[in-house]
Amino acid sequence: MTAETAQEFEFVLPHGYVDAQGIRHRSGTIRMATARDELAPVTDQRVRENPSNVGVVQLSLVVTRLGTITDIHPGLLADLSAGDLAYLQEMYERINAPKFVGGAVCPTCGGPAGGAS
């Protein structure tokens, strides 16, 4: 398992994507974003032309599978229902949110950072 796939999460879309053969794809996997994933949309031409594309471009980098489809691209995600897209965006936010268990820790002594002076 590589660092990129170490944090993958399964999902089931409320509606699903229907491909050209009429097959509905609802289950899939999404991985945690890297810093590169967060920065990539900034240089993407589609986002420069239309900033509202940032969501589908960003999700296309981290959704690794949708049903039997592994070639995930912004055009495919743009064809999802608004509810499915909102579901994936919320999942993205949830799995990539900072999870602070306690306060900041001093790297030198391991004690609480920013203690009383």
PDB file of N, CA and C in Angstrom:
ATOM      1  N   MET A   1       0.852  -1.181   0.000  1.00  0.00           N
ATOM      2  CA  MET A   1       0.000   0.000   0.000  1.00  0.00           C
ATOM      3  C   MET A   1       0.895   1.239   0.000  1.00  0.00           C
ATOM      4  N   THR A   2       0.654   2.151  -0.930  1.00  0.00           N
ATOM      5  CA  THR A   2       1.449   3.369  -1.008  1.00  0.00           C
ATOM      6  C   THR A   2       0.864   4.430  -0.099  1.00  0.00           C
ATOM      7  N   ALA A   3       1.621   5.503   0.083  1.00  0.00           N
ATOM      8  CA  ALA A   3       1.135   6.611   0.917  1.00  0.00           C
ATOM      9  C   ALA A   3      -0.135   7.214   0.329  1.00  0.00           C
ATOM     10  N   GLU A   4      -0.246   7.206  -1.012  1.00  0.00           N
ATOM     11  CA  GLU A   4      -1.429   7.787  -1.643  1.00  0.00           C
ATOM     12  C   GLU A   4      -2.693   6.986  -1.370  1.00  0.00           C
ATOM     13  N   THR A   5      -2.582   5.663  -1.252  1.00  0.00           N
ATOM     14  CA  THR A   5      -3.772   4.840  -1.082  1.00  0.00           C
ATOM     15  C   THR A   5      -3.976   4.403   0.358  1.00  0.00           C
ATOM     16  N   ALA A   6      -3.130   4.850   1.262  1.00  0.00           N
ATOM     17  CA  ALA A   6      -3.234   4.425   2.652  1.00  0.00           C
ATOM     18  C   ALA A   6      -4.510   4.904   3.318  1.00  0.00           C
ATOM     19  N   GLN A   7      -5.073   5.982   2.867  1.00  0.00           N
ATOM     20  CA  GLN A   7      -6.266   6.560   3.484  1.00  0.00           C
ATOM     21  C   GLN A   7      -7.399   6.639   2.478  1.00  0.00           C
ATOM     22  N   GLU A   8      -7.941   5.493   2.097  1.00  0.00           N
ATOM     23  CA  GLU A   8      -9.077   5.462   1.181  1.00  0.00           C
ATOM     24  C   GLU A   8     -10.350   5.162   1.939  1.00  0.00           C
ATOM     25  N   PHE A   9     -11.448   5.749   1.478  1.00  0.00           N
ATOM     26  CA  PHE A   9     -12.739   5.592   2.126  1.00  0.00           C
ATOM     27  C   PHE A   9     -13.775   5.206   1.082  1.00  0.00           C
ATOM     28  N   GLU A  10     -14.647   4.289   1.442  1.00  0.00           N
ATOM     29  CA  GLU A  10     -15.714   3.877   0.531  1.00  0.00           C
ATOM     30  C   GLU A  10     -16.929   4.768   0.716  1.00  0.00           C
ATOM     31  N   PHE A  11     -17.702   4.906  -0.347  1.00  0.00           N
ATOM     32  CA  PHE A  11     -18.935   5.691  -0.283  1.00  0.00           C
ATOM     33  C   PHE A  11     -19.982   5.050  -1.188  1.00  0.00           C
ATOM     34  N   VAL A  12     -21.225   5.433  -0.965  1.00  0.00           N
ATOM     35  CA  VAL A  12     -22.339   5.052  -1.838  1.00  0.00           C
ATOM     36  C   VAL A  12     -23.126   6.328  -2.113  1.00  0.00           C
ATOM     37  N   LEU A  13     -23.183   6.722  -3.370  1.00  0.00           N
ATOM     38  CA  LEU A  13     -23.881   7.944  -3.747  1.00  0.00           C
ATOM     39  C   LEU A  13     -25.390   7.762  -3.621  1.00  0.00           C
ATOM     40  N   PRO A  14     -26.090   8.825  -3.273  1.00  0.00           N
ATOM     41  CA  PRO A  14     -27.550   8.739  -3.163  1.00  0.00           C
ATOM     42  C   PRO A  14     -28.231   8.347  -4.481  1.00  0.00           C
ATOM     43  N   HIS A  15     -27.728   8.871  -5.614  1.00  0.00           N
ATOM     44  CA  HIS A  15     -28.365   8.618  -6.908  1.00  0.00           C
ATOM     45  C   HIS A  15     -27.476   7.775  -7.815  1.00  0.00           C
ATOM     46  N   GLY A  16     -26.260   8.185  -8.012  1.00  0.00           N
ATOM     47  CA  GLY A  16     -25.324   7.443  -8.844  1.00  0.00           C
ATOM     48  C   GLY A  16     -25.177   8.009 -10.243  1.00  0.00           C
ATOM     49  N   TYR A  17     -24.115   7.598 -10.887  1.00  0.00           N
ATOM     50  CA  TYR A  17     -23.795   8.002 -12.259  1.00  0.00           C
ATOM     51  C   TYR A  17     -24.271   6.907 -13.204  1.00  0.00           C
ATOM     52  N   VAL A  18     -25.010   7.283 -14.243  1.00  0.00           N
ATOM     53  CA  VAL A  18     -25.471   6.321 -15.246  1.00  0.00           C
ATOM     54  C   VAL A  18     -24.602   6.492 -16.487  1.00  0.00           C
ATOM     55  N   ASP A  19     -23.886   5.410 -16.851  1.00  0.00           N
ATOM     56  CA  ASP A  19     -22.981   5.490 -17.998  1.00  0.00           C
ATOM     57  C   ASP A  19     -23.742   5.311 -19.317  1.00  0.00           C
ATOM     58  N   ALA A  20     -23.010   5.336 -20.430  1.00  0.00           N
ATOM     59  CA  ALA A  20     -23.610   5.259 -21.763  1.00  0.00           C
ATOM     60  C   ALA A  20     -24.354   3.945 -22.003  1.00  0.00           C
ATOM     61  N   GLN A  21     -23.992   2.898 -21.275  1.00  0.00           N
ATOM     62  CA  GLN A  21     -24.664   1.604 -21.412  1.00  0.00           C
ATOM     63  C   GLN A  21     -25.868   1.480 -20.478  1.00  0.00           C
ATOM     64  N   GLY A  22     -26.158   2.532 -19.728  1.00  0.00           N
ATOM     65  CA  GLY A  22     -27.300   2.512 -18.822  1.00  0.00           C
ATOM     66  C   GLY A  22     -27.007   1.889 -17.462  1.00  0.00           C
ATOM     67  N   ILE A  23     -25.735   1.630 -17.173  1.00  0.00           N
ATOM     68  CA  ILE A  23     -25.347   1.034 -15.888  1.00  0.00           C
ATOM     69  C   ILE A  23     -25.193   2.143 -14.853  1.00  0.00           C
ATOM     70  N   ARG A  24     -25.852   1.961 -13.715  1.00  0.00           N
ATOM     71  CA  ARG A  24     -25.773   2.937 -12.624  1.00  0.00           C
ATOM     72  C   ARG A  24     -24.591   2.578 -11.719  1.00  0.00           C
ATOM     73  N   HIS A  25     -23.737   3.561 -11.447  1.00  0.00           N
ATOM     74  CA  HIS A  25     -22.560   3.385 -10.588  1.00  0.00           C
ATOM     75  C   HIS A  25     -22.763   4.231  -9.342  1.00  0.00           C
ATOM     76  N   ARG A  26     -22.938   3.579  -8.196  1.00  0.00           N
ATOM     77  CA  ARG A  26     -23.190   4.325  -6.953  1.00  0.00           C
ATOM     78  C   ARG A  26     -22.057   4.186  -5.943  1.00  0.00           C
ATOM     79  N   SER A  27     -21.437   3.019  -5.859  1.00  0.00           N
ATOM     80  CA  SER A  27     -20.384   2.829  -4.853  1.00  0.00           C
ATOM     81  C   SER A  27     -19.044   3.256  -5.430  1.00  0.00           C
ATOM     82  N   GLY A  28     -18.170   3.689  -4.557  1.00  0.00           N
ATOM     83  CA  GLY A  28     -16.857   4.123  -5.009  1.00  0.00           C
ATOM     84  C   GLY A  28     -15.901   4.307  -3.858  1.00  0.00           C
ATOM     85  N   THR A  29     -14.723   4.826  -4.186  1.00  0.00           N
ATOM     86  CA  THR A  29     -13.711   5.113  -3.176  1.00  0.00           C
ATOM     87  C   THR A  29     -13.141   6.503  -3.414  1.00  0.00           C
ATOM     88  N   ILE A  30     -12.786   7.129  -2.308  1.00  0.00           N
ATOM     89  CA  ILE A  30     -12.169   8.450  -2.324  1.00  0.00           C
ATOM     90  C   ILE A  30     -11.000   8.396  -1.355  1.00  0.00           C
ATOM     91  N   ARG A  31      -9.906   9.038  -1.698  1.00  0.00           N
ATOM     92  CA  ARG A  31      -8.737   9.044  -0.813  1.00  0.00           C
ATOM     93  C   ARG A  31      -8.552  10.429  -0.204  1.00  0.00           C
ATOM     94  N   MET A  32      -7.790  10.474   0.860  1.00  0.00           N
ATOM     95  CA  MET A  32      -7.451  11.765   1.461  1.00  0.00           C
ATOM     96  C   MET A  32      -6.649  12.586   0.458  1.00  0.00           C
ATOM     97  N   ALA A  33      -6.833  13.872   0.485  1.00  0.00           N
ATOM     98  CA  ALA A  33      -6.122  14.773  -0.419  1.00  0.00           C
ATOM     99  C   ALA A  33      -4.713  15.045   0.087  1.00  0.00           C
ATOM    100  N   THR A  34      -3.826  15.256  -0.850  1.00  0.00           N
ATOM    101  CA  THR A  34      -2.477  15.693  -0.531  1.00  0.00           C
ATOM    102  C   THR A  34      -2.416  17.207  -0.726  1.00  0.00           C
ATOM    103  N   ALA A  35      -1.327  17.806  -0.309  1.00  0.00           N
ATOM    104  CA  ALA A  35      -1.141  19.237  -0.541  1.00  0.00           C
ATOM    105  C   ALA A  35      -1.151  19.528  -2.039  1.00  0.00           C
ATOM    106  N   ARG A  36      -0.582  18.626  -2.825  1.00  0.00           N
ATOM    107  CA  ARG A  36      -0.560  18.799  -4.283  1.00  0.00           C
ATOM    108  C   ARG A  36      -1.984  18.811  -4.848  1.00  0.00           C
ATOM    109  N   ASP A  37      -2.854  17.937  -4.310  1.00  0.00           N
ATOM    110  CA  ASP A  37      -4.253  17.915  -4.754  1.00  0.00           C
ATOM    111  C   ASP A  37      -4.946  19.239  -4.452  1.00  0.00           C
ATOM    112  N   GLU A  38      -4.617  19.822  -3.313  1.00  0.00           N
ATOM    113  CA  GLU A  38      -5.231  21.096  -2.920  1.00  0.00           C
ATOM    114  C   GLU A  38      -4.757  22.234  -3.819  1.00  0.00           C
ATOM    115  N   LEU A  39      -3.510  22.158  -4.275  1.00  0.00           N
ATOM    116  CA  LEU A  39      -2.936  23.234  -5.085  1.00  0.00           C
ATOM    117  C   LEU A  39      -3.208  23.094  -6.577  1.00  0.00           C
ATOM    118  N   ALA A  40      -3.400  21.883  -7.061  1.00  0.00           N
ATOM    119  CA  ALA A  40      -3.528  21.623  -8.496  1.00  0.00           C
ATOM    120  C   ALA A  40      -4.629  22.426  -9.187  1.00  0.00           C
ATOM    121  N   PRO A  41      -5.816  22.577  -8.600  1.00  0.00           N
ATOM    122  CA  PRO A  41      -6.858  23.331  -9.313  1.00  0.00           C
ATOM    123  C   PRO A  41      -6.484  24.778  -9.620  1.00  0.00           C
ATOM    124  N   VAL A  42      -5.572  25.352  -8.859  1.00  0.00           N
ATOM    125  CA  VAL A  42      -5.179  26.753  -9.064  1.00  0.00           C
ATOM    126  C   VAL A  42      -4.569  26.944 -10.451  1.00  0.00           C
ATOM    127  N   THR A  43      -3.855  25.929 -10.941  1.00  0.00           N
ATOM    128  CA  THR A  43      -3.198  26.038 -12.243  1.00  0.00           C
ATOM    129  C   THR A  43      -4.001  25.399 -13.371  1.00  0.00           C
ATOM    130  N   ASP A  44      -5.148  24.813 -13.057  1.00  0.00           N
ATOM    131  CA  ASP A  44      -5.964  24.142 -14.062  1.00  0.00           C
ATOM    132  C   ASP A  44      -6.679  25.175 -14.948  1.00  0.00           C
ATOM    133  N   GLN A  45      -6.564  25.013 -16.258  1.00  0.00           N
ATOM    134  CA  GLN A  45      -7.149  25.970 -17.203  1.00  0.00           C
ATOM    135  C   GLN A  45      -8.660  26.065 -17.057  1.00  0.00           C
ATOM    136  N   ARG A  46      -9.339  24.934 -16.774  1.00  0.00           N
ATOM    137  CA  ARG A  46     -10.805  24.965 -16.614  1.00  0.00           C
ATOM    138  C   ARG A  46     -11.214  25.836 -15.437  1.00  0.00           C
ATOM    139  N   VAL A  47     -10.413  25.799 -14.371  1.00  0.00           N
ATOM    140  CA  VAL A  47     -10.710  26.607 -13.190  1.00  0.00           C
ATOM    141  C   VAL A  47     -10.407  28.067 -13.467  1.00  0.00           C
ATOM    142  N   ARG A  48      -9.349  28.332 -14.212  1.00  0.00           N
ATOM    143  CA  ARG A  48      -9.024  29.720 -14.569  1.00  0.00           C
ATOM    144  C   ARG A  48     -10.135  30.342 -15.409  1.00  0.00           C
ATOM    145  N   GLU A  49     -10.697  29.539 -16.326  1.00  0.00           N
ATOM    146  CA  GLU A  49     -11.768  30.043 -17.189  1.00  0.00           C
ATOM    147  C   GLU A  49     -13.091  30.172 -16.444  1.00  0.00           C
ATOM    148  N   ASN A  50     -13.333  29.263 -15.499  1.00  0.00           N
ATOM    149  CA  ASN A  50     -14.581  29.262 -14.748  1.00  0.00           C
ATOM    150  C   ASN A  50     -14.301  28.746 -13.331  1.00  0.00           C
ATOM    151  N   PRO A  51     -14.098  29.645 -12.369  1.00  0.00           N
ATOM    152  CA  PRO A  51     -13.738  29.236 -11.004  1.00  0.00           C
ATOM    153  C   PRO A  51     -14.725  28.261 -10.351  1.00  0.00           C
ATOM    154  N   SER A  52     -15.952  28.195 -10.846  1.00  0.00           N
ATOM    155  CA  SER A  52     -16.904  27.253 -10.258  1.00  0.00           C
ATOM    156  C   SER A  52     -16.542  25.800 -10.567  1.00  0.00           C
ATOM    157  N   ASN A  53     -15.589  25.565 -11.469  1.00  0.00           N
ATOM    158  CA  ASN A  53     -15.127  24.212 -11.785  1.00  0.00           C
ATOM    159  C   ASN A  53     -14.182  23.634 -10.732  1.00  0.00           C
ATOM    160  N   VAL A  54     -13.780  24.432  -9.759  1.00  0.00           N
ATOM    161  CA  VAL A  54     -12.783  23.981  -8.791  1.00  0.00           C
ATOM    162  C   VAL A  54     -13.223  22.702  -8.072  1.00  0.00           C
ATOM    163  N   GLY A  55     -14.486  22.580  -7.736  1.00  0.00           N
ATOM    164  CA  GLY A  55     -14.960  21.408  -7.000  1.00  0.00           C
ATOM    165  C   GLY A  55     -14.810  20.114  -7.776  1.00  0.00           C
ATOM    166  N   VAL A  56     -15.260  20.102  -9.041  1.00  0.00           N
ATOM    167  CA  VAL A  56     -15.156  18.860  -9.815  1.00  0.00           C
ATOM    168  C   VAL A  56     -13.709  18.540 -10.169  1.00  0.00           C
ATOM    169  N   VAL A  57     -12.893  19.557 -10.395  1.00  0.00           N
ATOM    170  CA  VAL A  57     -11.474  19.310 -10.679  1.00  0.00           C
ATOM    171  C   VAL A  57     -10.808  18.712  -9.447  1.00  0.00           C
ATOM    172  N   GLN A  58     -11.056  19.285  -8.289  1.00  0.00           N
ATOM    173  CA  GLN A  58     -10.446  18.784  -7.056  1.00  0.00           C
ATOM    174  C   GLN A  58     -10.922  17.363  -6.742  1.00  0.00           C
ATOM    175  N   LEU A  59     -12.211  17.120  -6.860  1.00  0.00           N
ATOM    176  CA  LEU A  59     -12.731  15.777  -6.586  1.00  0.00           C
ATOM    177  C   LEU A  59     -12.189  14.750  -7.576  1.00  0.00           C
ATOM    178  N   SER A  60     -11.973  15.150  -8.829  1.00  0.00           N
ATOM    179  CA  SER A  60     -11.468  14.196  -9.824  1.00  0.00           C
ATOM    180  C   SER A  60     -10.066  13.694  -9.472  1.00  0.00           C
ATOM    181  N   LEU A  61      -9.358  14.433  -8.649  1.00  0.00           N
ATOM    182  CA  LEU A  61      -8.021  14.022  -8.231  1.00  0.00           C
ATOM    183  C   LEU A  61      -8.048  12.999  -7.102  1.00  0.00           C
ATOM    184  N   VAL A  62      -9.123  12.965  -6.329  1.00  0.00           N
ATOM    185  CA  VAL A  62      -9.153  12.108  -5.138  1.00  0.00           C
ATOM    186  C   VAL A  62     -10.178  10.977  -5.198  1.00  0.00           C
ATOM    187  N   VAL A  63     -11.180  11.077  -6.071  1.00  0.00           N
ATOM    188  CA  VAL A  63     -12.101   9.945  -6.249  1.00  0.00           C
ATOM    189  C   VAL A  63     -11.353   8.930  -7.105  1.00  0.00           C
ATOM    190  N   THR A  64     -11.138   7.740  -6.566  1.00  0.00           N
ATOM    191  CA  THR A  64     -10.316   6.741  -7.247  1.00  0.00           C
ATOM    192  C   THR A  64     -11.128   5.701  -7.997  1.00  0.00           C
ATOM    193  N   ARG A  65     -12.415   5.583  -7.661  1.00  0.00           N
ATOM    194  CA  ARG A  65     -13.273   4.613  -8.331  1.00  0.00           C
ATOM    195  C   ARG A  65     -14.722   5.016  -8.156  1.00  0.00           C
ATOM    196  N   LEU A  66     -15.513   4.792  -9.190  1.00  0.00           N
ATOM    197  CA  LEU A  66     -16.956   4.980  -9.127  1.00  0.00           C
ATOM    198  C   LEU A  66     -17.571   3.774  -9.831  1.00  0.00           C
ATOM    199  N   GLY A  67     -18.085   2.847  -9.049  1.00  0.00           N
ATOM    200  CA  GLY A  67     -18.560   1.585  -9.611  1.00  0.00           C
ATOM    201  C   GLY A  67     -17.386   0.853 -10.225  1.00  0.00           C
ATOM    202  N   THR A  68     -17.481   0.532 -11.507  1.00  0.00           N
ATOM    203  CA  THR A  68     -16.374  -0.135 -12.198  1.00  0.00           C
ATOM    204  C   THR A  68     -15.478   0.857 -12.927  1.00  0.00           C
ATOM    205  N   ILE A  69     -15.784   2.138 -12.819  1.00  0.00           N
ATOM    206  CA  ILE A  69     -15.028   3.179 -13.525  1.00  0.00           C
ATOM    207  C   ILE A  69     -13.850   3.633 -12.669  1.00  0.00           C
ATOM    208  N   THR A  70     -12.650   3.572 -13.252  1.00  0.00           N
ATOM    209  CA  THR A  70     -11.461   4.056 -12.554  1.00  0.00           C
ATOM    210  C   THR A  70     -10.855   5.282 -13.228  1.00  0.00           C
ATOM    211  N   ASP A  71     -11.328   5.611 -14.425  1.00  0.00           N
ATOM    212  CA  ASP A  71     -10.859   6.813 -15.122  1.00  0.00           C
ATOM    213  C   ASP A  71     -11.782   7.966 -14.727  1.00  0.00           C
ATOM    214  N   ILE A  72     -11.514   8.539 -13.563  1.00  0.00           N
ATOM    215  CA  ILE A  72     -12.348   9.608 -13.028  1.00  0.00           C
ATOM    216  C   ILE A  72     -11.796  10.945 -13.525  1.00  0.00           C
ATOM    217  N   HIS A  73     -12.646  11.731 -14.153  1.00  0.00           N
ATOM    218  CA  HIS A  73     -12.218  13.029 -14.678  1.00  0.00           C
ATOM    219  C   HIS A  73     -13.316  14.058 -14.401  1.00  0.00           C
ATOM    220  N   PRO A  74     -12.984  15.340 -14.483  1.00  0.00           N
ATOM    221  CA  PRO A  74     -13.965  16.382 -14.167  1.00  0.00           C
ATOM    222  C   PRO A  74     -15.262  16.280 -14.972  1.00  0.00           C
ATOM    223  N   GLY A  75     -15.183  15.892 -16.232  1.00  0.00           N
ATOM    224  CA  GLY A  75     -16.381  15.776 -17.058  1.00  0.00           C
ATOM    225  C   GLY A  75     -17.346  14.729 -16.521  1.00  0.00           C
ATOM    226  N   LEU A  76     -16.819  13.621 -16.046  1.00  0.00           N
ATOM    227  CA  LEU A  76     -17.656  12.569 -15.469  1.00  0.00           C
ATOM    228  C   LEU A  76     -18.343  13.082 -14.206  1.00  0.00           C
ATOM    229  N   LEU A  77     -17.586  13.724 -13.335  1.00  0.00           N
ATOM    230  CA  LEU A  77     -18.161  14.224 -12.087  1.00  0.00           C
ATOM    231  C   LEU A  77     -19.161  15.352 -12.335  1.00  0.00           C
ATOM    232  N   ALA A  78     -18.962  16.126 -13.393  1.00  0.00           N
ATOM    233  CA  ALA A  78     -19.903  17.199 -13.716  1.00  0.00           C
ATOM    234  C   ALA A  78     -21.250  16.639 -14.155  1.00  0.00           C
ATOM    235  N   ASP A  79     -21.282  15.375 -14.571  1.00  0.00           N
ATOM    236  CA  ASP A  79     -22.534  14.743 -14.983  1.00  0.00           C
ATOM    237  C   ASP A  79     -23.297  14.125 -13.818  1.00  0.00           C
ATOM    238  N   LEU A  80     -22.743  14.168 -12.606  1.00  0.00           N
ATOM    239  CA  LEU A  80     -23.460  13.668 -11.431  1.00  0.00           C
ATOM    240  C   LEU A  80     -24.617  14.602 -11.093  1.00  0.00           C
ATOM    241  N   SER A  81     -25.582  14.081 -10.362  1.00  0.00           N
ATOM    242  CA  SER A  81     -26.664  14.957  -9.886  1.00  0.00           C
ATOM    243  C   SER A  81     -26.078  15.942  -8.882  1.00  0.00           C
ATOM    244  N   ALA A  82     -26.776  17.041  -8.687  1.00  0.00           N
ATOM    245  CA  ALA A  82     -26.321  18.043  -7.717  1.00  0.00           C
ATOM    246  C   ALA A  82     -26.214  17.417  -6.322  1.00  0.00           C
ATOM    247  N   GLY A  83     -27.134  16.522  -5.985  1.00  0.00           N
ATOM    248  CA  GLY A  83     -27.102  15.856  -4.682  1.00  0.00           C
ATOM    249  C   GLY A  83     -25.887  14.967  -4.517  1.00  0.00           C
ATOM    250  N   ASP A  84     -25.529  14.230  -5.567  1.00  0.00           N
ATOM    251  CA  ASP A  84     -24.349  13.369  -5.497  1.00  0.00           C
ATOM    252  C   ASP A  84     -23.072  14.196  -5.387  1.00  0.00           C
ATOM    253  N   LEU A  85     -23.010  15.283  -6.145  1.00  0.00           N
ATOM    254  CA  LEU A  85     -21.831  16.147  -6.080  1.00  0.00           C
ATOM    255  C   LEU A  85     -21.701  16.759  -4.691  1.00  0.00           C
ATOM    256  N   ALA A  86     -22.804  17.216  -4.123  1.00  0.00           N
ATOM    257  CA  ALA A  86     -22.784  17.769  -2.763  1.00  0.00           C
ATOM    258  C   ALA A  86     -22.351  16.702  -1.756  1.00  0.00           C
ATOM    259  N   TYR A  87     -22.804  15.469  -1.944  1.00  0.00           N
ATOM    260  CA  TYR A  87     -22.421  14.358  -1.067  1.00  0.00           C
ATOM    261  C   TYR A  87     -20.905  14.154  -1.098  1.00  0.00           C
ATOM    262  N   LEU A  88     -20.325  14.127  -2.307  1.00  0.00           N
ATOM    263  CA  LEU A  88     -18.872  13.935  -2.422  1.00  0.00           C
ATOM    264  C   LEU A  88     -18.097  15.124  -1.847  1.00  0.00           C
ATOM    265  N   GLN A  89     -18.596  16.336  -2.071  1.00  0.00           N
ATOM    266  CA  GLN A  89     -17.909  17.511  -1.529  1.00  0.00           C
ATOM    267  C   GLN A  89     -17.923  17.491  -0.007  1.00  0.00           C
ATOM    268  N   GLU A  90     -19.048  17.095   0.585  1.00  0.00           N
ATOM    269  CA  GLU A  90     -19.136  17.014   2.041  1.00  0.00           C
ATOM    270  C   GLU A  90     -18.210  15.923   2.564  1.00  0.00           C
ATOM    271  N   MET A  91     -18.142  14.790   1.871  1.00  0.00           N
ATOM    272  CA  MET A  91     -17.248  13.705   2.291  1.00  0.00           C
ATOM    273  C   MET A  91     -15.787  14.150   2.197  1.00  0.00           C
ATOM    274  N   TYR A  92     -15.455  14.866   1.125  1.00  0.00           N
ATOM    275  CA  TYR A  92     -14.102  15.399   0.951  1.00  0.00           C
ATOM    276  C   TYR A  92     -13.729  16.276   2.148  1.00  0.00           C
ATOM    277  N   GLU A  93     -14.623  17.188   2.502  1.00  0.00           N
ATOM    278  CA  GLU A  93     -14.368  18.078   3.633  1.00  0.00           C
ATOM    279  C   GLU A  93     -14.204  17.288   4.936  1.00  0.00           C
ATOM    280  N   ARG A  94     -15.055  16.294   5.130  1.00  0.00           N
ATOM    281  CA  ARG A  94     -15.019  15.516   6.372  1.00  0.00           C
ATOM    282  C   ARG A  94     -13.728  14.712   6.508  1.00  0.00           C
ATOM    283  N   ILE A  95     -13.284  14.047   5.438  1.00  0.00           N
ATOM    284  CA  ILE A  95     -12.093  13.201   5.571  1.00  0.00           C
ATOM    285  C   ILE A  95     -10.799  14.008   5.554  1.00  0.00           C
ATOM    286  N   ASN A  96     -10.850  15.244   5.066  1.00  0.00           N
ATOM    287  CA  ASN A  96      -9.641  16.060   5.002  1.00  0.00           C
ATOM    288  C   ASN A  96      -9.575  17.147   6.068  1.00  0.00           C
ATOM    289  N   ALA A  97     -10.593  17.234   6.906  1.00  0.00           N
ATOM    290  CA  ALA A  97     -10.584  18.238   7.977  1.00  0.00           C
ATOM    291  C   ALA A  97      -9.508  17.883   8.996  1.00  0.00           C
ATOM    292  N   PRO A  98      -8.834  18.893   9.539  1.00  0.00           N
ATOM    293  CA  PRO A  98      -7.846  18.630  10.587  1.00  0.00           C
ATOM    294  C   PRO A  98      -8.525  17.959  11.784  1.00  0.00           C
ATOM    295  N   LYS A  99      -7.846  16.991  12.328  1.00  0.00           N
ATOM    296  CA  LYS A  99      -8.384  16.279  13.484  1.00  0.00           C
ATOM    297  C   LYS A  99      -7.448  16.491  14.667  1.00  0.00           C
ATOM    298  N   PHE A 100      -7.616  17.616  15.328  1.00  0.00           N
ATOM    299  CA  PHE A 100      -6.783  17.932  16.473  1.00  0.00           C
ATOM    300  C   PHE A 100      -7.371  17.267  17.706  1.00  0.00           C
ATOM    301  N   VAL A 101      -6.582  16.438  18.350  1.00  0.00           N
ATOM    302  CA  VAL A 101      -7.035  15.741  19.543  1.00  0.00           C
ATOM    303  C   VAL A 101      -6.778  16.594  20.779  1.00  0.00           C
ATOM    304  N   GLY A 102      -5.753  17.371  20.738  1.00  0.00           N
ATOM    305  CA  GLY A 102      -5.409  18.221  21.873  1.00  0.00           C
ATOM    306  C   GLY A 102      -4.816  19.511  21.374  1.00  0.00           C
ATOM    307  N   GLY A 103      -4.190  20.226  22.262  1.00  0.00           N
ATOM    308  CA  GLY A 103      -3.560  21.479  21.890  1.00  0.00           C
ATOM    309  C   GLY A 103      -2.258  21.241  21.148  1.00  0.00           C
ATOM    310  N   ALA A 104      -1.641  22.325  20.736  1.00  0.00           N
ATOM    311  CA  ALA A 104      -0.363  22.256  20.049  1.00  0.00           C
ATOM    312  C   ALA A 104       0.706  21.739  20.998  1.00  0.00           C
ATOM    313  N   VAL A 105       1.679  21.015  20.448  1.00  0.00           N
ATOM    314  CA  VAL A 105       2.749  20.420  21.242  1.00  0.00           C
ATOM    315  C   VAL A 105       4.068  21.060  20.842  1.00  0.00           C
ATOM    316  N   CYS A 106       4.863  21.400  21.845  1.00  0.00           N
ATOM    317  CA  CYS A 106       6.180  21.966  21.603  1.00  0.00           C
ATOM    318  C   CYS A 106       7.080  20.897  20.980  1.00  0.00           C
ATOM    319  N   PRO A 107       7.701  21.173  19.830  1.00  0.00           N
ATOM    320  CA  PRO A 107       8.551  20.171  19.187  1.00  0.00           C
ATOM    321  C   PRO A 107       9.834  19.887  19.953  1.00  0.00           C
ATOM    322  N   THR A 108      10.220  20.795  20.833  1.00  0.00           N
ATOM    323  CA  THR A 108      11.469  20.620  21.590  1.00  0.00           C
ATOM    324  C   THR A 108      11.269  19.745  22.821  1.00  0.00           C
ATOM    325  N   CYS A 109      10.260  20.094  23.640  1.00  0.00           N
ATOM    326  CA  CYS A 109      10.100  19.371  24.921  1.00  0.00           C
ATOM    327  C   CYS A 109       8.909  18.427  24.949  1.00  0.00           C
ATOM    328  N   GLY A 110       8.000  18.521  23.967  1.00  0.00           N
ATOM    329  CA  GLY A 110       6.823  17.658  23.953  1.00  0.00           C
ATOM    330  C   GLY A 110       5.695  18.125  24.844  1.00  0.00           C
ATOM    331  N   GLY A 111       5.893  19.239  25.546  1.00  0.00           N
ATOM    332  CA  GLY A 111       4.858  19.789  26.401  1.00  0.00           C
ATOM    333  C   GLY A 111       3.929  20.684  25.620  1.00  0.00           C
ATOM    334  N   PRO A 112       2.911  21.225  26.276  1.00  0.00           N
ATOM    335  CA  PRO A 112       1.970  22.112  25.596  1.00  0.00           C
ATOM    336  C   PRO A 112       2.690  23.356  25.051  1.00  0.00           C
ATOM    337  N   ALA A 113       2.404  23.688  23.805  1.00  0.00           N
ATOM    338  CA  ALA A 113       3.008  24.864  23.189  1.00  0.00           C
ATOM    339  C   ALA A 113       2.225  26.098  23.615  1.00  0.00           C
ATOM    340  N   GLY A 114       2.894  27.231  23.667  1.00  0.00           N
ATOM    341  CA  GLY A 114       2.220  28.482  24.006  1.00  0.00           C
ATOM    342  C   GLY A 114       1.825  28.570  25.461  1.00  0.00           C
ATOM    343  N   GLY A 115       2.575  27.908  26.308  1.00  0.00           N
ATOM    344  CA  GLY A 115       2.266  27.929  27.752  1.00  0.00           C
ATOM    345  C   GLY A 115       2.439  29.312  28.317  1.00  0.00           C
ATOM    346  N   ALA A 116       2.097  29.472  29.590  1.00  0.00           N
ATOM    347  CA  ALA A 116       2.200  30.765  30.282  1.00  0.00           C
ATOM    348  C   ALA A 116       3.622  31.248  30.284  1.00  0.00           C
ATOM    349  N   SER A 117       3.819  32.532  30.059  1.00  0.00           N
ATOM    350  CA  SER A 117       5.158  33.121  30.065  1.00  0.00           C
ATOM    351  C   SER A 117       5.433  33.772  31.396  1.00  0.00           C
TER     352      SER A 117
END
